[in-house]
């Protein structure tokens, strides 16, 4: 696995995407803009700035929503996954609307936008969060864990559904290359039988065959079928990448989950922070063994 970038990064120039929200079915427009070193990923929505931070998450049913006061921005996970997966540390996201546009239900359009904008290094050392002790969280039949690793972030995700999905498991070492080729094109999925219940809850109002893999019994309703035989577990892994971005910095460790989701991912981050399982490193020192002396967050 290659060594992590030593310098923080941002976008070279602004880039804008437009579409509709998959849950609210309202028009949405986001502009990804460069940001200064150590600013992190910040959403500007409803007159407020919302940092991409696990402590700001207030909803996890079928999406991850950030809020601050009366302002909120929903369905941030696919955009965050693209930024995190490609190694963008700092960006200002200007949101017109209350939800990130669904695009095709994957991170593909966000990856293309980041490529169009370009990624540049900044004059500041990159901060990383290293897992220094194992931590686990569980919700119902699902569980997730983080464990120490010498370098990089590995993901091992398993899902279990009835119908054509069944049990699927995939493991990768996360790099910009593996994110592009293995995860970025995997789309959201759902079951036709759940549609009316979700609509009553104000969810999936904008879901369609253009932004969701729809399953009806044993049948995939999308005319083009699946992009991968295991597209569903790949999408769950994509969601994990977006949710882990809310830790506030790239992680050095090993993630594993069974029957996970946004709520479980947030419970794991909460457990890791409370247990002191994550410690700050600079990129140049983040590959030593997790048993060495604890580090401190690099000073601004």
C-alpha atoms as a PDB file:
ATOM      1  CA  UNK A   1       0.000   0.000   0.000  1.00  0.00           C
ATOM      2  CA  UNK A   2       1.395   3.371  -0.980  1.00  0.00           C
ATOM      3  CA  UNK A   3       2.349   5.963   1.629  1.00  0.00           C
ATOM      4  CA  UNK A   4      -0.302   8.602   2.386  1.00  0.00           C
ATOM      5  CA  UNK A   5       0.018  12.123   1.028  1.00  0.00           C
ATOM      6  CA  UNK A   6       2.257  14.248   3.249  1.00  0.00           C
ATOM      7  CA  UNK A   7       0.526  17.564   2.462  1.00  0.00           C
ATOM      8  CA  UNK A   8      -3.075  18.631   2.920  1.00  0.00           C
ATOM      9  CA  UNK A   9      -5.125  19.110  -0.231  1.00  0.00           C
ATOM     10  CA  UNK A  10      -7.999  21.142  -1.613  1.00  0.00           C
ATOM     11  CA  UNK A  11      -9.682  21.726  -4.965  1.00  0.00           C
ATOM     12  CA  UNK A  12      -7.932  23.816  -7.588  1.00  0.00           C
ATOM     13  CA  UNK A  13     -11.114  25.704  -8.539  1.00  0.00           C
ATOM     14  CA  UNK A  14     -14.887  25.667  -7.905  1.00  0.00           C
ATOM     15  CA  UNK A  15     -17.197  23.254  -9.688  1.00  0.00           C
ATOM     16  CA  UNK A  16     -21.014  23.016  -9.572  1.00  0.00           C
ATOM     17  CA  UNK A  17     -23.501  20.141  -9.830  1.00  0.00           C
ATOM     18  CA  UNK A  18     -27.303  20.307 -10.011  1.00  0.00           C
ATOM     19  CA  UNK A  19     -30.058  17.751  -9.620  1.00  0.00           C
ATOM     20  CA  UNK A  20     -32.843  16.687  -7.287  1.00  0.00           C
ATOM     21  CA  UNK A  21     -32.773  15.207  -3.805  1.00  0.00           C
ATOM     22  CA  UNK A  22     -33.576  11.505  -3.598  1.00  0.00           C
ATOM     23  CA  UNK A  23     -35.590  11.949  -0.401  1.00  0.00           C
ATOM     24  CA  UNK A  24     -37.170  15.406  -0.655  1.00  0.00           C
ATOM     25  CA  UNK A  25     -37.512  15.396  -4.470  1.00  0.00           C
ATOM     26  CA  UNK A  26     -36.649  19.102  -4.524  1.00  0.00           C
ATOM     27  CA  UNK A  27     -34.163  20.905  -6.783  1.00  0.00           C
ATOM     28  CA  UNK A  28     -30.651  21.064  -5.375  1.00  0.00           C
ATOM     29  CA  UNK A  29     -27.403  22.685  -6.435  1.00  0.00           C
ATOM     30  CA  UNK A  30     -23.989  22.243  -4.839  1.00  0.00           C
ATOM     31  CA  UNK A  31     -20.763  24.094  -5.551  1.00  0.00           C
ATOM     32  CA  UNK A  32     -17.515  22.507  -4.393  1.00  0.00           C
ATOM     33  CA  UNK A  33     -14.963  25.249  -3.735  1.00  0.00           C
ATOM     34  CA  UNK A  34     -11.352  25.440  -2.537  1.00  0.00           C
ATOM     35  CA  UNK A  35     -10.694  25.981   1.177  1.00  0.00           C
ATOM     36  CA  UNK A  36      -7.745  26.942   3.346  1.00  0.00           C
ATOM     37  CA  UNK A  37      -5.513  24.433   5.164  1.00  0.00           C
ATOM     38  CA  UNK A  38      -6.978  22.866   8.333  1.00  0.00           C
ATOM     39  CA  UNK A  39     -10.503  24.053   7.511  1.00  0.00           C
ATOM     40  CA  UNK A  40     -11.728  20.546   6.718  1.00  0.00           C
ATOM     41  CA  UNK A  41     -14.925  19.885   4.773  1.00  0.00           C
ATOM     42  CA  UNK A  42     -17.590  22.498   5.530  1.00  0.00           C
ATOM     43  CA  UNK A  43     -21.122  22.743   4.129  1.00  0.00           C
ATOM     44  CA  UNK A  44     -22.700  26.186   3.802  1.00  0.00           C
ATOM     45  CA  UNK A  45     -26.478  25.795   3.841  1.00  0.00           C
ATOM     46  CA  UNK A  46     -29.438  27.767   5.148  1.00  0.00           C
ATOM     47  CA  UNK A  47     -27.245  30.653   6.250  1.00  0.00           C
ATOM     48  CA  UNK A  48     -25.078  28.442   8.475  1.00  0.00           C
ATOM     49  CA  UNK A  49     -21.811  26.571   8.189  1.00  0.00           C
ATOM     50  CA  UNK A  50     -22.012  22.874   9.017  1.00  0.00           C
ATOM     51  CA  UNK A  51     -18.729  21.071   9.517  1.00  0.00           C
ATOM     52  CA  UNK A  52     -18.509  17.501   8.236  1.00  0.00           C
ATOM     53  CA  UNK A  53     -18.289  16.115  11.767  1.00  0.00           C
ATOM     54  CA  UNK A  54     -19.966  13.068  13.308  1.00  0.00           C
ATOM     55  CA  UNK A  55     -21.209  15.208  16.213  1.00  0.00           C
ATOM     56  CA  UNK A  56     -23.383  17.210  13.816  1.00  0.00           C
ATOM     57  CA  UNK A  57     -25.316  14.187  12.512  1.00  0.00           C
ATOM     58  CA  UNK A  58     -28.991  14.265  13.508  1.00  0.00           C
ATOM     59  CA  UNK A  59     -30.564  11.683  11.152  1.00  0.00           C
ATOM     60  CA  UNK A  60     -29.330   8.338   9.824  1.00  0.00           C
ATOM     61  CA  UNK A  61     -32.388   6.608   8.316  1.00  0.00           C
ATOM     62  CA  UNK A  62     -31.436   5.816   4.708  1.00  0.00           C
ATOM     63  CA  UNK A  63     -29.120   8.840   4.631  1.00  0.00           C
ATOM     64  CA  UNK A  64     -26.755  10.908   6.748  1.00  0.00           C
ATOM     65  CA  UNK A  65     -27.954  14.413   7.636  1.00  0.00           C
ATOM     66  CA  UNK A  66     -25.961  17.218   9.233  1.00  0.00           C
ATOM     67  CA  UNK A  67     -27.668  19.996  11.148  1.00  0.00           C
ATOM     68  CA  UNK A  68     -26.814  23.123  13.074  1.00  0.00           C
ATOM     69  CA  UNK A  69     -29.646  25.098  14.626  1.00  0.00           C
ATOM     70  CA  UNK A  70     -32.422  25.436  12.062  1.00  0.00           C
ATOM     71  CA  UNK A  71     -30.090  24.665   9.132  1.00  0.00           C
ATOM     72  CA  UNK A  72     -29.527  21.170   7.779  1.00  0.00           C
ATOM     73  CA  UNK A  73     -28.179  19.387   4.720  1.00  0.00           C
ATOM     74  CA  UNK A  74     -29.212  15.821   4.007  1.00  0.00           C
ATOM     75  CA  UNK A  75     -27.744  12.888   2.086  1.00  0.00           C
ATOM     76  CA  UNK A  76     -24.141  14.056   2.387  1.00  0.00           C
ATOM     77  CA  UNK A  77     -22.585  10.578   2.338  1.00  0.00           C
ATOM     78  CA  UNK A  78     -21.937  10.070  -1.399  1.00  0.00           C
ATOM     79  CA  UNK A  79     -20.309  13.475  -1.846  1.00  0.00           C
ATOM     80  CA  UNK A  80     -18.227  12.975   1.299  1.00  0.00           C
ATOM     81  CA  UNK A  81     -17.213   9.532   0.055  1.00  0.00           C
ATOM     82  CA  UNK A  82     -15.920  11.046  -3.202  1.00  0.00           C
ATOM     83  CA  UNK A  83     -13.920  13.719  -1.363  1.00  0.00           C
ATOM     84  CA  UNK A  84     -12.580  11.250   1.217  1.00  0.00           C
ATOM     85  CA  UNK A  85     -11.940   8.513  -1.324  1.00  0.00           C
ATOM     86  CA  UNK A  86      -9.960  10.809  -3.660  1.00  0.00           C
ATOM     87  CA  UNK A  87      -8.014  12.435  -0.837  1.00  0.00           C
ATOM     88  CA  UNK A  88      -9.498  15.953  -0.624  1.00  0.00           C
ATOM     89  CA  UNK A  89      -8.928  17.293   2.898  1.00  0.00           C
ATOM     90  CA  UNK A  90     -10.371  20.807   2.671  1.00  0.00           C
ATOM     91  CA  UNK A  91     -13.389  22.087   0.734  1.00  0.00           C
ATOM     92  CA  UNK A  92     -16.278  24.494   1.106  1.00  0.00           C
ATOM     93  CA  UNK A  93     -19.559  23.021  -0.159  1.00  0.00           C
ATOM     94  CA  UNK A  94     -22.161  25.670  -1.000  1.00  0.00           C
ATOM     95  CA  UNK A  95     -25.613  24.061  -0.932  1.00  0.00           C
ATOM     96  CA  UNK A  96     -28.698  25.621  -2.540  1.00  0.00           C
ATOM     97  CA  UNK A  97     -31.459  23.496  -1.070  1.00  0.00           C
ATOM     98  CA  UNK A  98     -31.596  21.145   1.893  1.00  0.00           C
ATOM     99  CA  UNK A  99     -30.180  17.995   0.303  1.00  0.00           C
ATOM    100  CA  UNK A 100     -27.195  17.031  -1.825  1.00  0.00           C
ATOM    101  CA  UNK A 101     -28.480  16.048  -5.295  1.00  0.00           C
ATOM    102  CA  UNK A 102     -28.817  12.315  -5.848  1.00  0.00           C
ATOM    103  CA  UNK A 103     -27.297  12.333  -9.356  1.00  0.00           C
ATOM    104  CA  UNK A 104     -27.333   8.638 -10.429  1.00  0.00           C
ATOM    105  CA  UNK A 105     -27.369   7.281  -6.860  1.00  0.00           C
ATOM    106  CA  UNK A 106     -23.615   6.715  -6.740  1.00  0.00           C
ATOM    107  CA  UNK A 107     -20.528   8.904  -6.273  1.00  0.00           C
ATOM    108  CA  UNK A 108     -19.643   8.845  -9.975  1.00  0.00           C
ATOM    109  CA  UNK A 109     -20.778  12.417 -10.770  1.00  0.00           C
ATOM    110  CA  UNK A 110     -18.980  13.794  -7.714  1.00  0.00           C
ATOM    111  CA  UNK A 111     -15.760  12.043  -8.737  1.00  0.00           C
ATOM    112  CA  UNK A 112     -16.080  13.571 -12.217  1.00  0.00           C
ATOM    113  CA  UNK A 113     -16.638  17.024 -10.703  1.00  0.00           C
ATOM    114  CA  UNK A 114     -13.582  16.700  -8.453  1.00  0.00           C
ATOM    115  CA  UNK A 115     -11.523  15.587 -11.450  1.00  0.00           C
ATOM    116  CA  UNK A 116     -12.778  18.610 -13.389  1.00  0.00           C
ATOM    117  CA  UNK A 117     -11.827  20.944 -10.551  1.00  0.00           C
ATOM    118  CA  UNK A 118      -8.451  19.295  -9.880  1.00  0.00           C
ATOM    119  CA  UNK A 119      -6.754  18.576  -6.553  1.00  0.00           C
ATOM    120  CA  UNK A 120      -3.813  20.660  -5.311  1.00  0.00           C
ATOM    121  CA  UNK A 121      -1.470  20.400  -2.334  1.00  0.00           C
ATOM    122  CA  UNK A 122      -1.511  23.021   0.418  1.00  0.00           C
ATOM    123  CA  UNK A 123       1.397  24.305   2.527  1.00  0.00           C
ATOM    124  CA  UNK A 124       0.439  22.329   5.643  1.00  0.00           C
ATOM    125  CA  UNK A 125       1.184  18.796   6.856  1.00  0.00           C
ATOM    126  CA  UNK A 126      -1.658  16.331   6.480  1.00  0.00           C
ATOM    127  CA  UNK A 127      -3.391  15.271   9.694  1.00  0.00           C
ATOM    128  CA  UNK A 128      -4.497  11.645  10.028  1.00  0.00           C
ATOM    129  CA  UNK A 129      -6.394   9.692  12.673  1.00  0.00           C
ATOM    130  CA  UNK A 130      -4.750   6.404  13.609  1.00  0.00           C
ATOM    131  CA  UNK A 131      -6.723   3.614  15.262  1.00  0.00           C
ATOM    132  CA  UNK A 132      -4.663   2.666  18.334  1.00  0.00           C
ATOM    133  CA  UNK A 133      -6.983   0.132  20.000  1.00  0.00           C
ATOM    134  CA  UNK A 134      -9.885  -2.034  18.831  1.00  0.00           C
ATOM    135  CA  UNK A 135     -13.417  -0.711  19.263  1.00  0.00           C
ATOM    136  CA  UNK A 136     -16.787  -2.211  18.338  1.00  0.00           C
ATOM    137  CA  UNK A 137     -20.422  -1.108  18.174  1.00  0.00           C
ATOM    138  CA  UNK A 138     -23.604  -3.087  17.537  1.00  0.00           C
ATOM    139  CA  UNK A 139     -27.215  -2.347  16.609  1.00  0.00           C
ATOM    140  CA  UNK A 140     -29.663  -5.245  16.488  1.00  0.00           C
ATOM    141  CA  UNK A 141     -28.103  -8.038  14.441  1.00  0.00           C
ATOM    142  CA  UNK A 142     -25.481  -5.704  12.967  1.00  0.00           C
ATOM    143  CA  UNK A 143     -22.019  -4.894  14.242  1.00  0.00           C
ATOM    144  CA  UNK A 144     -19.026  -2.826  13.166  1.00  0.00           C
ATOM    145  CA  UNK A 145     -15.474  -2.521  14.401  1.00  0.00           C
ATOM    146  CA  UNK A 146     -12.266  -0.590  13.926  1.00  0.00           C
ATOM    147  CA  UNK A 147      -8.883  -2.178  14.629  1.00  0.00           C
ATOM    148  CA  UNK A 148      -5.295  -0.908  14.440  1.00  0.00           C
ATOM    149  CA  UNK A 149      -3.285  -1.224  11.238  1.00  0.00           C
ATOM    150  CA  UNK A 150       0.225  -0.125  10.362  1.00  0.00           C
ATOM    151  CA  UNK A 151      -0.858   2.018   7.397  1.00  0.00           C
ATOM    152  CA  UNK A 152      -3.788   2.874   5.169  1.00  0.00           C
ATOM    153  CA  UNK A 153      -7.479   2.115   5.622  1.00  0.00           C
ATOM    154  CA  UNK A 154      -8.894  -1.321   4.808  1.00  0.00           C
ATOM    155  CA  UNK A 155     -12.609  -2.064   4.531  1.00  0.00           C
ATOM    156  CA  UNK A 156     -14.329  -5.436   4.979  1.00  0.00           C
ATOM    157  CA  UNK A 157     -18.112  -5.176   4.629  1.00  0.00           C
ATOM    158  CA  UNK A 158     -20.743  -7.924   4.634  1.00  0.00           C
ATOM    159  CA  UNK A 159     -24.482  -7.528   4.061  1.00  0.00           C
ATOM    160  CA  UNK A 160     -27.394  -9.964   4.334  1.00  0.00           C
ATOM    161  CA  UNK A 161     -30.755  -9.430   2.597  1.00  0.00           C
ATOM    162  CA  UNK A 162     -33.449 -11.677   1.223  1.00  0.00           C
ATOM    163  CA  UNK A 163     -34.227 -11.905  -2.483  1.00  0.00           C
ATOM    164  CA  UNK A 164     -31.599 -11.555  -5.189  1.00  0.00           C
ATOM    165  CA  UNK A 165     -29.066  -9.812  -2.909  1.00  0.00           C
ATOM    166  CA  UNK A 166     -28.552 -12.537  -0.312  1.00  0.00           C
ATOM    167  CA  UNK A 167     -25.250 -12.393   1.562  1.00  0.00           C
ATOM    168  CA  UNK A 168     -22.482 -10.396  -0.080  1.00  0.00           C
ATOM    169  CA  UNK A 169     -19.042  -9.594   1.299  1.00  0.00           C
ATOM    170  CA  UNK A 170     -16.225  -7.501  -0.117  1.00  0.00           C
ATOM    171  CA  UNK A 171     -12.863  -6.334   1.218  1.00  0.00           C
ATOM    172  CA  UNK A 172     -10.547  -3.669  -0.230  1.00  0.00           C
ATOM    173  CA  UNK A 173      -7.671  -1.428   0.734  1.00  0.00           C
ATOM    174  CA  UNK A 174      -8.961   2.099   0.191  1.00  0.00           C
ATOM    175  CA  UNK A 175      -6.933   4.217  -2.213  1.00  0.00           C
ATOM    176  CA  UNK A 176      -8.052   6.785  -4.785  1.00  0.00           C
ATOM    177  CA  UNK A 177      -7.576   4.097  -7.444  1.00  0.00           C
ATOM    178  CA  UNK A 178      -9.617   1.423  -5.650  1.00  0.00           C
ATOM    179  CA  UNK A 179     -12.319   3.939  -4.783  1.00  0.00           C
ATOM    180  CA  UNK A 180     -12.673   4.927  -8.438  1.00  0.00           C
ATOM    181  CA  UNK A 181     -12.681   1.428  -9.869  1.00  0.00           C
ATOM    182  CA  UNK A 182     -14.503  -0.579  -7.194  1.00  0.00           C
ATOM    183  CA  UNK A 183     -16.839   1.740  -5.285  1.00  0.00           C
ATOM    184  CA  UNK A 184     -17.599   5.057  -6.968  1.00  0.00           C
ATOM    185  CA  UNK A 185     -20.135   3.687  -9.503  1.00  0.00           C
ATOM    186  CA  UNK A 186     -22.141   1.539  -7.062  1.00  0.00           C
ATOM    187  CA  UNK A 187     -25.683   2.901  -6.699  1.00  0.00           C
ATOM    188  CA  UNK A 188     -28.178   3.137  -3.865  1.00  0.00           C
ATOM    189  CA  UNK A 189     -30.649   0.266  -3.785  1.00  0.00           C
ATOM    190  CA  UNK A 190     -34.101  -0.348  -2.356  1.00  0.00           C
ATOM    191  CA  UNK A 191     -37.093  -2.658  -2.416  1.00  0.00           C
ATOM    192  CA  UNK A 192     -40.316  -1.802  -4.230  1.00  0.00           C
ATOM    193  CA  UNK A 193     -42.365  -3.268  -1.364  1.00  0.00           C
ATOM    194  CA  UNK A 194     -41.004  -0.563   0.991  1.00  0.00           C
ATOM    195  CA  UNK A 195     -41.901   2.398  -1.211  1.00  0.00           C
ATOM    196  CA  UNK A 196     -45.270   3.375   0.282  1.00  0.00           C
ATOM    197  CA  UNK A 197     -43.971   3.133   3.863  1.00  0.00           C
ATOM    198  CA  UNK A 198     -40.969   5.319   3.027  1.00  0.00           C
ATOM    199  CA  UNK A 199     -43.162   7.881   1.249  1.00  0.00           C
ATOM    200  CA  UNK A 200     -45.349   8.150   4.356  1.00  0.00           C
ATOM    201  CA  UNK A 201     -42.185   8.876   6.345  1.00  0.00           C
ATOM    202  CA  UNK A 202     -41.178  11.597   3.879  1.00  0.00           C
ATOM    203  CA  UNK A 203     -38.305   9.524   2.468  1.00  0.00           C
ATOM    204  CA  UNK A 204     -37.412   8.360  -1.050  1.00  0.00           C
ATOM    205  CA  UNK A 205     -39.871  10.823  -2.610  1.00  0.00           C
ATOM    206  CA  UNK A 206     -37.413  11.407  -5.446  1.00  0.00           C
ATOM    207  CA  UNK A 207     -36.247   7.817  -5.856  1.00  0.00           C
ATOM    208  CA  UNK A 208     -36.478   6.441  -9.388  1.00  0.00           C
ATOM    209  CA  UNK A 209     -34.787   3.966 -11.695  1.00  0.00           C
ATOM    210  CA  UNK A 210     -32.437   6.819 -12.657  1.00  0.00           C
ATOM    211  CA  UNK A 211     -30.943   7.084  -9.146  1.00  0.00           C
ATOM    212  CA  UNK A 212     -31.738   3.797  -7.368  1.00  0.00           C
ATOM    213  CA  UNK A 213     -31.407   0.088  -8.022  1.00  0.00           C
ATOM    214  CA  UNK A 214     -34.988  -1.089  -7.406  1.00  0.00           C
ATOM    215  CA  UNK A 215     -35.634  -4.718  -6.449  1.00  0.00           C
ATOM    216  CA  UNK A 216     -39.019  -6.417  -6.712  1.00  0.00           C
ATOM    217  CA  UNK A 217     -38.866  -9.932  -5.351  1.00  0.00           C
ATOM    218  CA  UNK A 218     -36.138 -11.671  -7.348  1.00  0.00           C
ATOM    219  CA  UNK A 219     -36.180  -9.058 -10.129  1.00  0.00           C
ATOM    220  CA  UNK A 220     -33.993  -6.000 -10.700  1.00  0.00           C
ATOM    221  CA  UNK A 221     -36.339  -3.462 -12.307  1.00  0.00           C
ATOM    222  CA  UNK A 222     -33.657  -1.215 -13.812  1.00  0.00           C
ATOM    223  CA  UNK A 223     -33.565  -1.905 -17.589  1.00  0.00           C
ATOM    224  CA  UNK A 224     -29.738  -1.949 -17.682  1.00  0.00           C
ATOM    225  CA  UNK A 225     -29.527  -4.256 -14.664  1.00  0.00           C
ATOM    226  CA  UNK A 226     -26.661  -4.098 -12.175  1.00  0.00           C
ATOM    227  CA  UNK A 227     -23.301  -2.455 -12.754  1.00  0.00           C
ATOM    228  CA  UNK A 228     -21.593  -5.170 -10.668  1.00  0.00           C
ATOM    229  CA  UNK A 229     -22.862  -8.578  -9.571  1.00  0.00           C
ATOM    230  CA  UNK A 230     -22.264  -7.405  -5.968  1.00  0.00           C
ATOM    231  CA  UNK A 231     -23.265  -3.770  -6.503  1.00  0.00           C
ATOM    232  CA  UNK A 232     -25.246  -3.676  -3.247  1.00  0.00           C
ATOM    233  CA  UNK A 233     -22.333  -4.484  -0.948  1.00  0.00           C
ATOM    234  CA  UNK A 234     -20.126  -2.112  -2.929  1.00  0.00           C
ATOM    235  CA  UNK A 235     -22.652   0.656  -2.313  1.00  0.00           C
ATOM    236  CA  UNK A 236     -22.763  -0.144   1.408  1.00  0.00           C
ATOM    237  CA  UNK A 237     -18.974   0.166   1.375  1.00  0.00           C
ATOM    238  CA  UNK A 238     -19.296   3.509  -0.427  1.00  0.00           C
ATOM    239  CA  UNK A 239     -21.603   4.684   2.370  1.00  0.00           C
ATOM    240  CA  UNK A 240     -19.024   3.555   4.940  1.00  0.00           C
ATOM    241  CA  UNK A 241     -16.373   5.712   3.252  1.00  0.00           C
ATOM    242  CA  UNK A 242     -18.685   8.748   3.355  1.00  0.00           C
ATOM    243  CA  UNK A 243     -19.647   8.191   6.974  1.00  0.00           C
ATOM    244  CA  UNK A 244     -16.054   7.620   8.130  1.00  0.00           C
ATOM    245  CA  UNK A 245     -15.162  10.967   6.547  1.00  0.00           C
ATOM    246  CA  UNK A 246     -17.124  12.481   9.445  1.00  0.00           C
ATOM    247  CA  UNK A 247     -14.287  11.476  11.779  1.00  0.00           C
ATOM    248  CA  UNK A 248     -12.643  14.670  10.540  1.00  0.00           C
ATOM    249  CA  UNK A 249      -9.524  13.234   8.905  1.00  0.00           C
ATOM    250  CA  UNK A 250      -8.376  10.176   6.935  1.00  0.00           C
ATOM    251  CA  UNK A 251      -8.230   7.045   9.090  1.00  0.00           C
ATOM    252  CA  UNK A 252      -5.349   4.607   9.483  1.00  0.00           C
ATOM    253  CA  UNK A 253      -6.908   1.312  10.522  1.00  0.00           C
ATOM    254  CA  UNK A 254      -9.057  -1.669   9.586  1.00  0.00           C
ATOM    255  CA  UNK A 255     -12.856  -1.346   9.382  1.00  0.00           C
ATOM    256  CA  UNK A 256     -15.166  -4.343   9.353  1.00  0.00           C
ATOM    257  CA  UNK A 257     -18.965  -4.578   9.534  1.00  0.00           C
ATOM    258  CA  UNK A 258     -21.850  -7.001   9.220  1.00  0.00           C
ATOM    259  CA  UNK A 259     -25.366  -5.777   8.364  1.00  0.00           C
ATOM    260  CA  UNK A 260     -24.275  -2.192   8.827  1.00  0.00           C
ATOM    261  CA  UNK A 261     -25.777   1.174   7.914  1.00  0.00           C
ATOM    262  CA  UNK A 262     -25.495   4.867   8.659  1.00  0.00           C
ATOM    263  CA  UNK A 263     -26.714   4.554  12.262  1.00  0.00           C
ATOM    264  CA  UNK A 264     -24.202   1.808  13.020  1.00  0.00           C
ATOM    265  CA  UNK A 265     -21.366   3.725  11.352  1.00  0.00           C
ATOM    266  CA  UNK A 266     -22.136   6.743  13.537  1.00  0.00           C
ATOM    267  CA  UNK A 267     -22.382   4.554  16.645  1.00  0.00           C
ATOM    268  CA  UNK A 268     -18.929   3.175  15.859  1.00  0.00           C
ATOM    269  CA  UNK A 269     -17.393   6.640  15.461  1.00  0.00           C
ATOM    270  CA  UNK A 270     -19.026   7.708  18.722  1.00  0.00           C
ATOM    271  CA  UNK A 271     -17.658   4.629  20.507  1.00  0.00           C
ATOM    272  CA  UNK A 272     -14.187   5.181  19.030  1.00  0.00           C
ATOM    273  CA  UNK A 273     -14.070   8.810  20.151  1.00  0.00           C
ATOM    274  CA  UNK A 274     -15.347   8.013  23.641  1.00  0.00           C
ATOM    275  CA  UNK A 275     -12.865   5.163  24.057  1.00  0.00           C
ATOM    276  CA  UNK A 276      -9.892   7.234  22.888  1.00  0.00           C
ATOM    277  CA  UNK A 277      -9.328   4.684  20.116  1.00  0.00           C
ATOM    278  CA  UNK A 278      -8.260   7.330  17.565  1.00  0.00           C
ATOM    279  CA  UNK A 279      -5.153   9.483  17.902  1.00  0.00           C
ATOM    280  CA  UNK A 280      -3.843  12.273  15.717  1.00  0.00           C
ATOM    281  CA  UNK A 281      -0.716  11.874  13.610  1.00  0.00           C
ATOM    282  CA  UNK A 282       0.952  13.828  10.862  1.00  0.00           C
ATOM    283  CA  UNK A 283       1.226  11.915   7.589  1.00  0.00           C
ATOM    284  CA  UNK A 284       5.000  11.593   7.932  1.00  0.00           C
ATOM    285  CA  UNK A 285       4.628   9.705  11.246  1.00  0.00           C
ATOM    286  CA  UNK A 286       1.365   7.844  10.701  1.00  0.00           C
ATOM    287  CA  UNK A 287       2.819   4.527   9.582  1.00  0.00           C
ATOM    288  CA  UNK A 288       4.497   3.461  12.817  1.00  0.00           C
ATOM    289  CA  UNK A 289       2.975   0.755  14.982  1.00  0.00           C
ATOM    290  CA  UNK A 290      -0.154   1.676  16.912  1.00  0.00           C
ATOM    291  CA  UNK A 291       1.464   0.464  20.138  1.00  0.00           C
ATOM    292  CA  UNK A 292       3.933   3.365  20.177  1.00  0.00           C
ATOM    293  CA  UNK A 293       3.486   6.415  22.381  1.00  0.00           C
ATOM    294  CA  UNK A 294       0.261   8.385  21.725  1.00  0.00           C
ATOM    295  CA  UNK A 295       0.502  11.412  19.468  1.00  0.00           C
ATOM    296  CA  UNK A 296      -1.189  14.791  19.641  1.00  0.00           C
ATOM    297  CA  UNK A 297      -3.259  16.555  17.031  1.00  0.00           C
ATOM    298  CA  UNK A 298      -0.942  18.695  14.893  1.00  0.00           C
ATOM    299  CA  UNK A 299      -1.168  22.306  15.978  1.00  0.00           C
ATOM    300  CA  UNK A 300      -2.689  24.849  13.564  1.00  0.00           C
END
